[in-house]
Structures are given as C-alpha cells and as structure tokens.
Amino acid sequence: VQLQASGGGLVQPGGSLRLSCAASGLIFSKYGMAWFRQSAGKAREFVATVASSGTGTIYADSVKGRFTISRDNVKTMVYLQMNSLKPEDTAVYYCARRRDEYTLLRPEAPDNYNYWGQGTLVTVSS
C-alpha cells in the first residue's frame, strides 16, 4: 500500500507548482482523496479534497481560488495545481485517502484518513 507524493520544490512568490500523488496497492476509485500540509511548528492543515468520482471538491479558505485538486481514477493519481503561491504556502504537502467510501464529511479531520503519503516539500521564497 503506497501513496507517493511528488512535484515539490522551490518557487518564487506568485509562481506555480503541480503536485502529484500516485496510489498503488489500495482501492482508489471508491474513496475521497485529499491534500494536507504541515509547516514547521504547526499542526497538519487541510488543504483540499476531491470526491471519489472527481466531481466534488472542497478547499480550505486559505487556498480557495488559487489551488485546484483533481484526480484520474484510471491512472490512480491525484493532483494539486497551485497557482499564485505565497510564502505562507511553504510546507510539506501530504496526500491522503479517506477511511470510508463515498464521503467527504469533515474533510479537515486527519482522523478521517487512513492512508498517507510521505510528503513533498514546497518552499515559496524569493
């Protein structure tokens, strides 16, 4: 069972990055997927989630209008397109799979996810 996140790096303020998360060894298409982030000294923070079908999404207020989450159930991939990046977006970004099928209830609660990727570091700095 593996969630492999990639695509992080150093980017200037106002720039863009696209994160990817490859899923293997687990059932993918029945479960919502999400991105969280954690910066130094802070708790893990919800960023965005996408429904199992890919048609429903929820975003944290801090990223709404700048980030877009999507998924490809054939390739078992989840993506996070991040535009207009700010220094406060600097964090390690984690992808996660929901514990329960076909739900997006309380997406901000880490306890609702039972599979996590290893994280990819995003640094926004000039």
Protein backbone atom coordinates (compact mmCIF):
# COMPACT_ATOMS: atom_id res chain seq x y z
CA VAL A 1 0.00 0.00 0.00
CA GLN A 2 1.58 3.22 -1.08
CA LEU A 3 0.82 6.88 -1.73
CA GLN A 4 3.78 8.56 -3.38
CA ALA A 5 3.73 12.36 -3.50
CA SER A 6 5.99 14.31 -5.81
CA GLY A 7 6.38 17.67 -7.53
CA GLY A 8 7.51 19.86 -4.67
CA GLY A 9 10.35 22.32 -4.92
CA LEU A 10 11.46 25.91 -4.60
CA VAL A 11 9.32 28.53 -6.31
CA GLN A 12 9.16 32.31 -6.16
CA PRO A 13 6.11 34.12 -4.77
CA GLY A 14 3.43 34.32 -7.43
CA GLY A 15 4.67 31.19 -9.13
CA SER A 16 3.04 27.81 -9.71
CA LEU A 17 3.66 24.17 -8.92
CA ARG A 18 1.76 20.98 -9.63
CA LEU A 19 1.90 18.22 -7.05
CA SER A 20 1.15 14.61 -7.94
CA CYS A 21 0.24 11.63 -5.79
CA ALA A 22 0.47 8.10 -7.18
CA ALA A 23 -1.59 5.42 -5.42
CA SER A 24 -0.79 1.72 -5.55
CA GLY A 25 -1.83 -1.38 -3.66
CA LEU A 26 -5.11 0.06 -2.42
CA ILE A 27 -8.65 0.60 -3.65
CA PHE A 28 -8.73 4.07 -5.14
CA SER A 29 -11.88 4.92 -7.07
CA LYS A 30 -14.36 4.49 -4.19
CA TYR A 31 -12.64 6.91 -1.82
CA GLY A 32 -12.22 10.62 -1.48
CA MET A 33 -8.66 11.89 -1.64
CA ALA A 34 -7.15 14.94 -0.01
CA TRP A 35 -4.07 17.08 0.36
CA PHE A 36 -2.87 18.31 3.74
CA ARG A 37 0.16 20.40 4.58
CA GLN A 38 2.34 20.93 7.61
CA SER A 39 4.78 23.74 8.21
CA ALA A 40 7.41 23.93 10.91
CA GLY A 41 5.95 24.09 14.39
CA LYS A 42 2.36 23.84 13.22
CA ALA A 43 -0.29 21.15 13.14
CA ARG A 44 -1.17 19.36 9.94
CA GLU A 45 -3.63 21.51 7.98
CA PHE A 46 -6.32 20.52 5.50
CA VAL A 47 -5.82 21.96 2.01
CA ALA A 48 -8.29 20.34 -0.38
CA THR A 49 -10.29 17.21 -1.05
CA VAL A 50 -11.89 15.61 -4.10
CA ALA A 51 -14.77 13.15 -4.17
CA SER A 52 -14.36 9.58 -5.38
CA SER A 53 -15.94 10.46 -8.73
CA GLY A 54 -13.86 13.61 -9.11
CA THR A 55 -16.90 15.85 -9.43
CA GLY A 56 -16.99 17.31 -5.90
CA THR A 57 -14.25 19.38 -4.29
CA ILE A 58 -13.76 21.31 -1.04
CA TYR A 59 -10.97 23.78 -0.30
CA ALA A 60 -9.56 25.49 2.73
CA ASP A 61 -10.33 29.19 2.68
CA SER A 62 -6.60 29.98 2.59
CA VAL A 63 -6.18 28.33 -0.84
CA LYS A 64 -9.60 28.82 -2.43
CA GLY A 65 -9.29 30.37 -5.88
CA ARG A 66 -5.56 29.59 -6.10
CA PHE A 67 -5.35 25.80 -5.80
CA THR A 68 -7.17 23.12 -7.80
CA ILE A 69 -7.41 19.46 -6.81
CA SER A 70 -8.18 16.78 -9.38
CA ARG A 71 -7.88 13.05 -9.83
CA ASP A 72 -7.56 10.39 -12.52
CA ASN A 73 -9.17 7.13 -11.43
CA VAL A 74 -7.72 5.23 -14.39
CA LYS A 75 -4.16 6.23 -13.53
CA THR A 76 -4.91 6.23 -9.75
CA MET A 77 -3.42 9.68 -9.44
CA VAL A 78 -4.34 12.82 -7.50
CA TYR A 79 -3.07 16.27 -8.40
CA LEU A 80 -2.84 19.66 -6.74
CA GLN A 81 -2.31 22.59 -9.06
CA MET A 82 -1.03 25.51 -7.01
CA ASN A 83 -1.03 28.99 -8.51
CA SER A 84 -0.25 32.44 -7.10
CA LEU A 85 1.88 30.85 -4.42
CA LYS A 86 2.67 32.80 -1.26
CA PRO A 87 5.46 32.39 1.30
CA GLU A 88 2.85 31.15 3.78
CA ASP A 89 2.17 28.19 1.47
CA THR A 90 5.60 26.84 2.39
CA ALA A 91 5.10 23.40 3.94
CA VAL A 92 5.42 19.68 3.47
CA TYR A 93 2.40 18.56 1.47
CA TYR A 94 0.81 15.15 2.07
CA CYS A 95 -1.78 13.25 0.08
CA ALA A 96 -4.23 11.03 1.93
CA ARG A 97 -7.05 8.57 1.26
CA ARG A 98 -10.34 8.63 3.13
CA ARG A 99 -11.08 5.89 5.66
CA ASP A 100 -14.70 5.49 4.49
CA GLU A 101 -16.13 5.08 0.98
CA TYR A 102 -18.06 7.74 -0.90
CA THR A 103 -17.99 10.54 1.66
CA LEU A 104 -16.46 13.98 2.07
CA LEU A 105 -17.85 14.67 5.54
CA ARG A 106 -15.48 16.61 7.84
CA PRO A 107 -12.63 16.64 5.31
CA GLU A 108 -10.47 18.75 7.62
CA ALA A 109 -10.10 15.98 10.23
CA PRO A 110 -6.93 13.89 9.78
CA ASP A 111 -8.60 11.01 11.62
CA ASN A 112 -10.90 10.56 8.60
CA TYR A 113 -7.93 9.34 6.54
CA ASN A 114 -6.15 6.04 6.99
CA TYR A 115 -3.53 6.12 4.23
CA TRP A 116 -0.93 8.88 3.93
CA GLY A 117 1.88 9.63 1.54
CA GLN A 118 5.38 10.51 2.66
CA GLY A 119 5.12 14.20 1.83
CA THR A 120 6.76 16.56 -0.63
CA LEU A 121 8.33 19.88 0.38
CA VAL A 122 7.12 23.12 -1.18
CA THR A 123 9.16 26.23 -0.48
CA VAL A 124 7.92 29.62 -1.64
CA SER A 125 10.66 32.18 -1.37
CA SER A 126 12.41 34.85 -3.37
